[in-house]
Amino acid sequence: MEYLDQAVDFLGIDDFLAHRRFDDLRKKLNMTSKQISRIVVGAFAVLAILALIKYGEDLCLLIVGILYPGYKTLKLRNGFFESSKDRDLYLSYWVCYGLYMTLVHNLFKIILRGLPLAFLGECFFLVWLYHSSYRGADLINEKVFKKLLSKYGKYIDNQIKEIKEVVKPKDE
């Protein structure tokens, strides 16, 4: 109750509800403005907790999947790391992250949301991709991307070349 009263005092809801335009409400509910204020703040607290539970997963994925690797990439880009190994890791990470978000997260979102604690698995996967002990993005690059590029790279380059010729500006 003490925290609730502190929140009521901080927000000034008690003073707001003490106004005479709320006399009818206080009479009908047979409550003081302080009691009504506690109910209002409590209801908002419950709604805030429910919103945090609902949207907390997305916030967690945002922090784990974008903010931290983005910070590390900016440090790398601005010369705070000299290691080409780190550069390769984060280049591979962003490719893996983009494919993961496009193919897995967005396409199977309904199924993933139905599984209990699936977002924790997503967070662990994203950390596995960029953590210096595991370097999962490098592993995926070696085992998947290099093989695909060696097999289909020339074909993809030829297709891109043909598309560029088709959409060439009229000025040239």
N, C-alpha and C. Protein backbone atom coordinates (compact mmCIF):
# COMPACT_ATOMS: atom_id res chain seq x y z
N MET A 1 0.82 -1.20 0.00
CA MET A 1 0.00 0.00 0.00
C MET A 1 0.86 1.26 0.00
N GLU A 2 2.02 1.16 0.63
CA GLU A 2 2.89 2.34 0.72
C GLU A 2 3.34 2.78 -0.67
N TYR A 3 3.74 1.81 -1.51
CA TYR A 3 4.18 2.15 -2.87
C TYR A 3 3.03 2.71 -3.69
N LEU A 4 1.86 2.16 -3.48
CA LEU A 4 0.68 2.64 -4.20
C LEU A 4 0.38 4.08 -3.81
N ASP A 5 0.46 4.38 -2.51
CA ASP A 5 0.23 5.75 -2.05
C ASP A 5 1.30 6.70 -2.58
N GLN A 6 2.55 6.24 -2.66
CA GLN A 6 3.61 7.07 -3.22
C GLN A 6 3.34 7.37 -4.69
N ALA A 7 2.87 6.37 -5.43
CA ALA A 7 2.54 6.57 -6.84
C ALA A 7 1.38 7.54 -6.99
N VAL A 8 0.36 7.39 -6.13
CA VAL A 8 -0.80 8.29 -6.16
C VAL A 8 -0.36 9.72 -5.89
N ASP A 9 0.48 9.90 -4.87
CA ASP A 9 0.97 11.24 -4.54
C ASP A 9 1.83 11.82 -5.67
N PHE A 10 2.68 10.99 -6.23
CA PHE A 10 3.57 11.44 -7.30
C PHE A 10 2.77 11.89 -8.52
N LEU A 11 1.78 11.11 -8.89
CA LEU A 11 0.99 11.41 -10.09
C LEU A 11 -0.06 12.50 -9.86
N GLY A 12 -0.38 12.75 -8.61
CA GLY A 12 -1.35 13.79 -8.30
C GLY A 12 -2.78 13.40 -8.61
N ILE A 13 -3.04 12.12 -8.69
CA ILE A 13 -4.40 11.65 -9.02
C ILE A 13 -5.36 11.96 -7.89
N ASP A 14 -4.88 11.87 -6.67
CA ASP A 14 -5.73 12.15 -5.50
C ASP A 14 -6.27 13.57 -5.55
N ASP A 15 -5.39 14.51 -5.85
CA ASP A 15 -5.82 15.92 -5.95
C ASP A 15 -6.80 16.11 -7.10
N PHE A 16 -6.54 15.43 -8.20
CA PHE A 16 -7.41 15.53 -9.37
C PHE A 16 -8.81 15.00 -9.04
N LEU A 17 -8.87 13.85 -8.36
CA LEU A 17 -10.17 13.24 -8.03
C LEU A 17 -10.86 13.93 -6.85
N ALA A 18 -10.14 14.78 -6.13
CA ALA A 18 -10.75 15.50 -5.01
C ALA A 18 -11.61 16.67 -5.49
N HIS A 19 -11.51 16.99 -6.77
CA HIS A 19 -12.28 18.10 -7.33
C HIS A 19 -13.78 17.81 -7.21
N ARG A 20 -14.58 18.84 -7.09
CA ARG A 20 -16.01 18.66 -6.86
C ARG A 20 -16.75 18.01 -8.01
N ARG A 21 -16.19 18.03 -9.22
CA ARG A 21 -16.88 17.39 -10.34
C ARG A 21 -16.93 15.88 -10.17
N PHE A 22 -16.11 15.34 -9.24
CA PHE A 22 -16.13 13.91 -8.98
C PHE A 22 -16.92 13.56 -7.72
N ASP A 23 -17.65 14.52 -7.17
CA ASP A 23 -18.45 14.27 -5.97
C ASP A 23 -19.44 13.14 -6.18
N ASP A 24 -20.14 13.16 -7.34
CA ASP A 24 -21.13 12.12 -7.61
C ASP A 24 -20.49 10.74 -7.67
N LEU A 25 -19.32 10.65 -8.29
CA LEU A 25 -18.61 9.37 -8.39
C LEU A 25 -18.23 8.85 -7.00
N ARG A 26 -17.70 9.73 -6.18
CA ARG A 26 -17.32 9.31 -4.83
C ARG A 26 -18.52 8.87 -4.02
N LYS A 27 -19.65 9.56 -4.20
CA LYS A 27 -20.86 9.18 -3.45
C LYS A 27 -21.40 7.84 -3.93
N LYS A 28 -21.44 7.65 -5.26
CA LYS A 28 -21.97 6.39 -5.80
C LYS A 28 -21.11 5.20 -5.40
N LEU A 29 -19.81 5.41 -5.40
CA LEU A 29 -18.90 4.32 -5.05
C LEU A 29 -18.71 4.21 -3.54
N ASN A 30 -19.15 5.23 -2.81
CA ASN A 30 -18.99 5.27 -1.37
C ASN A 30 -17.51 5.10 -0.99
N MET A 31 -16.66 5.86 -1.71
CA MET A 31 -15.21 5.79 -1.49
C MET A 31 -14.65 7.20 -1.44
N THR A 32 -13.49 7.31 -0.81
CA THR A 32 -12.79 8.59 -0.80
C THR A 32 -11.98 8.72 -2.09
N SER A 33 -11.55 9.92 -2.36
CA SER A 33 -10.74 10.13 -3.56
C SER A 33 -9.42 9.35 -3.47
N LYS A 34 -8.91 9.17 -2.25
CA LYS A 34 -7.67 8.40 -2.04
C LYS A 34 -7.89 6.94 -2.43
N GLN A 35 -9.01 6.37 -2.06
CA GLN A 35 -9.31 4.97 -2.39
C GLN A 35 -9.49 4.79 -3.91
N ILE A 36 -10.19 5.73 -4.53
CA ILE A 36 -10.38 5.66 -5.99
C ILE A 36 -9.03 5.81 -6.69
N SER A 37 -8.20 6.69 -6.18
CA SER A 37 -6.86 6.89 -6.77
C SER A 37 -6.04 5.62 -6.71
N ARG A 38 -6.13 4.91 -5.59
CA ARG A 38 -5.40 3.65 -5.46
C ARG A 38 -5.87 2.64 -6.50
N ILE A 39 -7.18 2.58 -6.72
CA ILE A 39 -7.73 1.65 -7.72
C ILE A 39 -7.24 2.02 -9.12
N VAL A 40 -7.25 3.31 -9.43
CA VAL A 40 -6.81 3.76 -10.76
C VAL A 40 -5.34 3.43 -10.97
N VAL A 41 -4.50 3.75 -10.00
CA VAL A 41 -3.07 3.46 -10.14
C VAL A 41 -2.82 1.96 -10.19
N GLY A 42 -3.53 1.21 -9.37
CA GLY A 42 -3.40 -0.26 -9.40
C GLY A 42 -3.80 -0.83 -10.75
N ALA A 43 -4.89 -0.32 -11.34
CA ALA A 43 -5.33 -0.79 -12.65
C ALA A 43 -4.29 -0.47 -13.71
N PHE A 44 -3.73 0.73 -13.67
CA PHE A 44 -2.68 1.08 -14.63
C PHE A 44 -1.43 0.23 -14.43
N ALA A 45 -1.11 -0.10 -13.20
CA ALA A 45 0.06 -0.95 -12.93
C ALA A 45 -0.16 -2.34 -13.51
N VAL A 46 -1.36 -2.88 -13.32
CA VAL A 46 -1.67 -4.20 -13.88
C VAL A 46 -1.59 -4.17 -15.41
N LEU A 47 -2.15 -3.13 -16.02
CA LEU A 47 -2.07 -2.99 -17.48
C LEU A 47 -0.63 -2.87 -17.95
N ALA A 48 0.19 -2.13 -17.22
CA ALA A 48 1.59 -1.98 -17.59
C ALA A 48 2.33 -3.31 -17.50
N ILE A 49 2.05 -4.08 -16.47
CA ILE A 49 2.68 -5.40 -16.32
C ILE A 49 2.25 -6.33 -17.44
N LEU A 50 0.97 -6.32 -17.78
CA LEU A 50 0.48 -7.15 -18.88
C LEU A 50 1.11 -6.74 -20.21
N ALA A 51 1.25 -5.45 -20.44
CA ALA A 51 1.89 -4.97 -21.67
C ALA A 51 3.35 -5.39 -21.71
N LEU A 52 4.02 -5.33 -20.57
CA LEU A 52 5.43 -5.74 -20.51
C LEU A 52 5.57 -7.22 -20.81
N ILE A 53 4.65 -8.02 -20.29
CA ILE A 53 4.69 -9.46 -20.58
C ILE A 53 4.45 -9.71 -22.05
N LYS A 54 3.45 -9.02 -22.61
CA LYS A 54 3.11 -9.23 -24.02
C LYS A 54 4.20 -8.73 -24.96
N TYR A 55 4.69 -7.53 -24.72
CA TYR A 55 5.65 -6.92 -25.62
C TYR A 55 7.09 -7.05 -25.14
N GLY A 56 7.28 -7.63 -23.98
CA GLY A 56 8.62 -7.81 -23.45
C GLY A 56 9.46 -8.75 -24.30
N GLU A 57 8.79 -9.74 -24.92
CA GLU A 57 9.51 -10.67 -25.78
C GLU A 57 10.13 -9.93 -26.95
N ASP A 58 9.34 -9.06 -27.58
CA ASP A 58 9.86 -8.31 -28.71
C ASP A 58 10.97 -7.37 -28.28
N LEU A 59 10.83 -6.78 -27.10
CA LEU A 59 11.87 -5.90 -26.57
C LEU A 59 13.16 -6.68 -26.33
N CYS A 60 13.02 -7.87 -25.77
CA CYS A 60 14.18 -8.72 -25.52
C CYS A 60 14.87 -9.09 -26.84
N LEU A 61 14.08 -9.49 -27.84
CA LEU A 61 14.66 -9.82 -29.15
C LEU A 61 15.31 -8.61 -29.79
N LEU A 62 14.73 -7.44 -29.58
CA LEU A 62 15.31 -6.21 -30.13
C LEU A 62 16.68 -5.95 -29.50
N ILE A 63 16.76 -6.06 -28.20
CA ILE A 63 18.02 -5.79 -27.50
C ILE A 63 19.07 -6.83 -27.87
N VAL A 64 18.68 -8.10 -27.83
CA VAL A 64 19.64 -9.18 -28.09
C VAL A 64 20.01 -9.25 -29.57
N GLY A 65 19.04 -9.04 -30.44
CA GLY A 65 19.27 -9.25 -31.85
C GLY A 65 19.77 -8.05 -32.62
N ILE A 66 19.45 -6.83 -32.16
CA ILE A 66 19.83 -5.65 -32.93
C ILE A 66 20.71 -4.68 -32.15
N LEU A 67 20.30 -4.30 -30.96
CA LEU A 67 21.02 -3.24 -30.25
C LEU A 67 22.45 -3.62 -29.89
N TYR A 68 22.65 -4.77 -29.27
CA TYR A 68 24.01 -5.15 -28.89
C TYR A 68 24.88 -5.42 -30.11
N PRO A 69 24.43 -6.26 -31.07
CA PRO A 69 25.28 -6.45 -32.26
C PRO A 69 25.48 -5.16 -33.05
N GLY A 70 24.48 -4.30 -33.07
CA GLY A 70 24.62 -3.02 -33.76
C GLY A 70 25.69 -2.16 -33.10
N TYR A 71 25.70 -2.15 -31.79
CA TYR A 71 26.72 -1.41 -31.04
C TYR A 71 28.11 -1.96 -31.36
N LYS A 72 28.24 -3.28 -31.33
CA LYS A 72 29.53 -3.90 -31.63
C LYS A 72 29.95 -3.61 -33.08
N THR A 73 29.00 -3.60 -34.00
CA THR A 73 29.30 -3.30 -35.40
C THR A 73 29.76 -1.87 -35.55
N LEU A 74 29.11 -0.94 -34.86
CA LEU A 74 29.54 0.46 -34.92
C LEU A 74 30.94 0.64 -34.36
N LYS A 75 31.24 -0.05 -33.27
CA LYS A 75 32.60 0.02 -32.72
C LYS A 75 33.60 -0.53 -33.72
N LEU A 76 33.24 -1.61 -34.36
CA LEU A 76 34.11 -2.21 -35.36
C LEU A 76 34.29 -1.28 -36.54
N ARG A 77 33.22 -0.69 -37.00
CA ARG A 77 33.23 0.21 -38.16
C ARG A 77 34.06 1.46 -37.90
N ASN A 78 34.03 1.94 -36.67
CA ASN A 78 34.73 3.18 -36.33
C ASN A 78 36.13 2.95 -35.79
N GLY A 79 36.67 1.76 -36.00
CA GLY A 79 38.07 1.50 -35.69
C GLY A 79 38.40 1.15 -34.26
N PHE A 80 37.43 0.76 -33.46
CA PHE A 80 37.73 0.39 -32.09
C PHE A 80 38.25 -1.04 -31.99
N PHE A 81 38.04 -1.83 -33.05
CA PHE A 81 38.60 -3.17 -33.14
C PHE A 81 39.40 -3.24 -34.42
N GLU A 82 40.51 -3.89 -34.38
CA GLU A 82 41.34 -4.02 -35.57
C GLU A 82 41.22 -5.42 -36.17
N SER A 83 40.53 -6.31 -35.52
CA SER A 83 40.50 -7.71 -35.93
C SER A 83 39.60 -7.92 -37.15
N SER A 84 40.17 -8.51 -38.18
CA SER A 84 39.34 -8.86 -39.34
C SER A 84 38.44 -10.03 -39.00
N LYS A 85 38.83 -10.78 -37.98
CA LYS A 85 38.02 -11.90 -37.52
C LYS A 85 36.68 -11.39 -36.98
N ASP A 86 36.73 -10.30 -36.20
CA ASP A 86 35.49 -9.69 -35.69
C ASP A 86 34.67 -9.10 -36.82
N ARG A 87 35.35 -8.47 -37.78
CA ARG A 87 34.65 -7.90 -38.92
C ARG A 87 33.89 -8.98 -39.68
N ASP A 88 34.56 -10.10 -39.94
CA ASP A 88 33.92 -11.20 -40.65
C ASP A 88 32.75 -11.77 -39.86
N LEU A 89 32.92 -11.86 -38.54
CA LEU A 89 31.84 -12.38 -37.69
C LEU A 89 30.59 -11.51 -37.82
N TYR A 90 30.75 -10.20 -37.69
CA TYR A 90 29.58 -9.34 -37.70
C TYR A 90 28.99 -9.18 -39.11
N LEU A 91 29.80 -9.27 -40.14
CA LEU A 91 29.24 -9.30 -41.49
C LEU A 91 28.38 -10.56 -41.67
N SER A 92 28.91 -11.69 -41.23
CA SER A 92 28.14 -12.94 -41.30
C SER A 92 26.91 -12.88 -40.41
N TYR A 93 27.06 -12.26 -39.23
CA TYR A 93 25.92 -12.16 -38.31
C TYR A 93 24.75 -11.44 -38.96
N TRP A 94 25.01 -10.31 -39.60
CA TRP A 94 23.91 -9.53 -40.15
C TRP A 94 23.22 -10.26 -41.30
N VAL A 95 23.97 -11.03 -42.05
CA VAL A 95 23.35 -11.85 -43.10
C VAL A 95 22.47 -12.92 -42.45
N CYS A 96 23.02 -13.61 -41.46
CA CYS A 96 22.25 -14.64 -40.75
C CYS A 96 21.02 -14.04 -40.08
N TYR A 97 21.19 -12.89 -39.45
CA TYR A 97 20.07 -12.25 -38.76
C TYR A 97 18.97 -11.88 -39.76
N GLY A 98 19.35 -11.30 -40.88
CA GLY A 98 18.36 -10.92 -41.89
C GLY A 98 17.61 -12.12 -42.42
N LEU A 99 18.32 -13.20 -42.71
CA LEU A 99 17.65 -14.41 -43.19
C LEU A 99 16.78 -15.02 -42.10
N TYR A 100 17.28 -15.06 -40.88
CA TYR A 100 16.51 -15.61 -39.77
C TYR A 100 15.21 -14.83 -39.56
N MET A 101 15.32 -13.50 -39.52
CA MET A 101 14.12 -12.68 -39.27
C MET A 101 13.13 -12.82 -40.43
N THR A 102 13.63 -12.90 -41.65
CA THR A 102 12.75 -13.00 -42.81
C THR A 102 12.11 -14.38 -42.91
N LEU A 103 12.93 -15.40 -42.85
CA LEU A 103 12.43 -16.75 -43.11
C LEU A 103 11.81 -17.43 -41.89
N VAL A 104 12.48 -17.39 -40.79
CA VAL A 104 12.02 -18.14 -39.63
C VAL A 104 11.07 -17.32 -38.77
N HIS A 105 11.53 -16.21 -38.29
CA HIS A 105 10.75 -15.44 -37.33
C HIS A 105 9.43 -14.95 -37.92
N ASN A 106 9.48 -14.36 -39.10
CA ASN A 106 8.25 -13.80 -39.66
C ASN A 106 7.33 -14.85 -40.27
N LEU A 107 7.88 -15.85 -40.93
CA LEU A 107 7.03 -16.86 -41.56
C LEU A 107 6.40 -17.82 -40.54
N PHE A 108 7.13 -18.13 -39.50
CA PHE A 108 6.64 -19.08 -38.51
C PHE A 108 6.26 -18.43 -37.19
N LYS A 109 5.93 -17.14 -37.24
CA LYS A 109 5.64 -16.38 -36.03
C LYS A 109 4.47 -16.99 -35.25
N ILE A 110 3.44 -17.40 -35.94
CA ILE A 110 2.26 -17.95 -35.26
C ILE A 110 2.62 -19.24 -34.52
N ILE A 111 3.40 -20.09 -35.16
CA ILE A 111 3.81 -21.34 -34.51
C ILE A 111 4.75 -21.05 -33.35
N LEU A 112 5.72 -20.16 -33.58
CA LEU A 112 6.69 -19.84 -32.53
C LEU A 112 6.02 -19.22 -31.31
N ARG A 113 5.03 -18.35 -31.53
CA ARG A 113 4.36 -17.70 -30.40
C ARG A 113 3.53 -18.70 -29.59
N GLY A 114 3.16 -19.80 -30.20
CA GLY A 114 2.39 -20.80 -29.49
C GLY A 114 3.23 -21.70 -28.60
N LEU A 115 4.52 -21.73 -28.84
CA LEU A 115 5.41 -22.57 -28.04
C LEU A 115 5.85 -21.81 -26.79
N PRO A 116 5.75 -22.44 -25.64
CA PRO A 116 6.17 -21.76 -24.41
C PRO A 116 7.66 -21.44 -24.45
N LEU A 117 7.99 -20.23 -24.11
CA LEU A 117 9.36 -19.76 -24.02
C LEU A 117 10.14 -19.88 -25.33
N ALA A 118 9.44 -19.85 -26.46
CA ALA A 118 10.12 -19.92 -27.76
C ALA A 118 11.02 -18.72 -27.96
N PHE A 119 10.61 -17.58 -27.41
CA PHE A 119 11.45 -16.39 -27.60
C PHE A 119 12.81 -16.55 -26.92
N LEU A 120 12.86 -17.34 -25.85
CA LEU A 120 14.16 -17.59 -25.22
C LEU A 120 15.07 -18.38 -26.16
N GLY A 121 14.47 -19.33 -26.87
CA GLY A 121 15.24 -20.07 -27.87
C GLY A 121 15.74 -19.16 -28.96
N GLU A 122 14.89 -18.21 -29.38
CA GLU A 122 15.30 -17.24 -30.39
C GLU A 122 16.46 -16.38 -29.86
N CYS A 123 16.34 -15.93 -28.61
CA CYS A 123 17.41 -15.12 -28.01
C CYS A 123 18.71 -15.91 -27.92
N PHE A 124 18.62 -17.16 -27.48
CA PHE A 124 19.82 -17.98 -27.37
C PHE A 124 20.45 -18.20 -28.74
N PHE A 125 19.62 -18.40 -29.77
CA PHE A 125 20.15 -18.58 -31.12
C PHE A 125 20.88 -17.33 -31.58
N LEU A 126 20.29 -16.16 -31.36
CA LEU A 126 20.92 -14.92 -31.78
C LEU A 126 22.23 -14.68 -31.05
N VAL A 127 22.25 -14.97 -29.74
CA VAL A 127 23.50 -14.83 -28.98
C VAL A 127 24.53 -15.82 -29.48
N TRP A 128 24.10 -17.04 -29.78
CA TRP A 128 25.02 -18.05 -30.32
C TRP A 128 25.66 -17.58 -31.62
N LEU A 129 24.90 -16.85 -32.42
CA LEU A 129 25.43 -16.36 -33.69
C LEU A 129 26.62 -15.43 -33.48
N TYR A 130 26.56 -14.52 -32.50
CA TYR A 130 27.62 -13.51 -32.39
C TYR A 130 28.53 -13.65 -31.17
N HIS A 131 28.25 -14.53 -30.25
CA HIS A 131 29.09 -14.64 -29.06
C HIS A 131 30.49 -15.13 -29.45
N SER A 132 31.50 -14.51 -28.86
CA SER A 132 32.88 -14.80 -29.24
C SER A 132 33.30 -16.25 -28.92
N SER A 133 32.63 -16.89 -27.99
CA SER A 133 32.97 -18.28 -27.66
C SER A 133 32.40 -19.26 -28.69
N TYR A 134 31.29 -18.91 -29.32
CA TYR A 134 30.61 -19.84 -30.22
C TYR A 134 30.77 -19.45 -31.69
N ARG A 135 30.65 -18.16 -31.99
CA ARG A 135 30.80 -17.65 -33.35
C ARG A 135 29.96 -18.43 -34.35
N GLY A 136 28.68 -18.58 -34.02
CA GLY A 136 27.76 -19.34 -34.86
C GLY A 136 27.61 -18.78 -36.25
N ALA A 137 27.68 -17.46 -36.40
CA ALA A 137 27.55 -16.85 -37.72
C ALA A 137 28.71 -17.28 -38.61
N ASP A 138 29.92 -17.38 -38.04
CA ASP A 138 31.06 -17.86 -38.82
C ASP A 138 30.86 -19.32 -39.24
N LEU A 139 30.32 -20.11 -38.34
CA LEU A 139 30.06 -21.52 -38.65
C LEU A 139 29.04 -21.65 -39.78
N ILE A 140 27.96 -20.89 -39.70
CA ILE A 140 26.95 -20.93 -40.76
C ILE A 140 27.54 -20.42 -42.07
N ASN A 141 28.37 -19.41 -41.99
CA ASN A 141 29.02 -18.89 -43.20
C ASN A 141 29.87 -19.98 -43.85
N GLU A 142 30.66 -20.68 -43.04
CA GLU A 142 31.54 -21.73 -43.58
C GLU A 142 30.75 -22.92 -44.14
N LYS A 143 29.75 -23.37 -43.38
CA LYS A 143 29.04 -24.59 -43.75
C LYS A 143 27.94 -24.39 -44.78
N VAL A 144 27.35 -23.18 -44.84
CA VAL A 144 26.20 -22.97 -45.71
C VAL A 144 26.49 -21.96 -46.81
N PHE A 145 26.82 -20.73 -46.42
CA PHE A 145 26.93 -19.66 -47.40
C PHE A 145 28.05 -19.89 -48.42
N LYS A 146 29.21 -20.34 -47.97
CA LYS A 146 30.32 -20.56 -48.90
C LYS A 146 29.97 -21.64 -49.91
N LYS A 147 29.31 -22.71 -49.45
CA LYS A 147 28.92 -23.78 -50.37
C LYS A 147 27.89 -23.28 -51.38
N LEU A 148 26.92 -22.50 -50.89
CA LEU A 148 25.90 -21.97 -51.80
C LEU A 148 26.51 -21.00 -52.81
N LEU A 149 27.41 -20.14 -52.34
CA LEU A 149 28.05 -19.19 -53.26
C LEU A 149 28.93 -19.88 -54.28
N SER A 150 29.64 -20.91 -53.86
CA SER A 150 30.51 -21.61 -54.82
C SER A 150 29.67 -22.35 -55.86
N LYS A 151 28.50 -22.81 -55.46
CA LYS A 151 27.65 -23.56 -56.38
C LYS A 151 26.81 -22.64 -57.27
N TYR A 152 26.23 -21.58 -56.68
CA TYR A 152 25.29 -20.74 -57.41
C TYR A 152 25.77 -19.31 -57.65
N GLY A 153 26.96 -18.96 -57.20
CA GLY A 153 27.43 -17.59 -57.28
C GLY A 153 27.49 -17.05 -58.70
N LYS A 154 28.05 -17.83 -59.64
CA LYS A 154 28.15 -17.37 -61.03
C LYS A 154 26.77 -17.20 -61.65
N TYR A 155 25.86 -18.12 -61.35
CA TYR A 155 24.50 -18.03 -61.89
C TYR A 155 23.82 -16.76 -61.37
N ILE A 156 23.95 -16.49 -60.09
CA ILE A 156 23.34 -15.29 -59.49
C ILE A 156 23.94 -14.03 -60.10
N ASP A 157 25.27 -14.01 -60.26
CA ASP A 157 25.93 -12.85 -60.87
C ASP A 157 25.45 -12.62 -62.29
N ASN A 158 25.29 -13.70 -63.06
CA ASN A 158 24.78 -13.56 -64.43
C ASN A 158 23.35 -13.03 -64.45
N GLN A 159 22.53 -13.49 -63.52
CA GLN A 159 21.15 -13.01 -63.44
C GLN A 159 21.11 -11.52 -63.08
N ILE A 160 21.94 -11.11 -62.18
CA ILE A 160 22.02 -9.70 -61.79
C ILE A 160 22.48 -8.86 -62.98
N LYS A 161 23.46 -9.38 -63.73
CA LYS A 161 23.97 -8.68 -64.91
C LYS A 161 22.86 -8.50 -65.95
N GLU A 162 22.07 -9.55 -66.17
CA GLU A 162 20.97 -9.48 -67.13
C GLU A 162 19.90 -8.48 -66.68
N ILE A 163 19.60 -8.47 -65.40
CA ILE A 163 18.60 -7.54 -64.88
C ILE A 163 19.09 -6.11 -65.03
N LYS A 164 20.37 -5.88 -64.77
CA LYS A 164 20.93 -4.53 -64.94
C LYS A 164 20.82 -4.07 -66.39
N GLU A 165 21.03 -4.97 -67.33
CA GLU A 165 20.92 -4.62 -68.74
C GLU A 165 19.48 -4.27 -69.12
N VAL A 166 18.53 -4.97 -68.53
CA VAL A 166 17.12 -4.72 -68.83
C VAL A 166 16.66 -3.39 -68.27
N VAL A 167 17.10 -3.06 -67.08
CA VAL A 167 16.65 -1.84 -66.42
C VAL A 167 17.65 -0.70 -66.55
N LYS A 168 18.50 -0.79 -67.55
CA LYS A 168 19.52 0.24 -67.79
C LYS A 168 18.82 1.56 -68.07
N PRO A 169 19.30 2.67 -67.49
CA PRO A 169 18.70 3.97 -67.75
C PRO A 169 18.78 4.35 -69.23
N LYS A 170 17.82 5.13 -69.69
CA LYS A 170 17.74 5.52 -71.11
C LYS A 170 18.90 6.42 -71.53
N ASP A 171 19.51 7.09 -70.58
CA ASP A 171 20.60 8.03 -70.87
C ASP A 171 21.82 7.32 -71.44
N GLU A 172 22.05 6.08 -71.10
CA GLU A 172 23.27 5.37 -71.51
C GLU A 172 23.17 4.83 -72.89
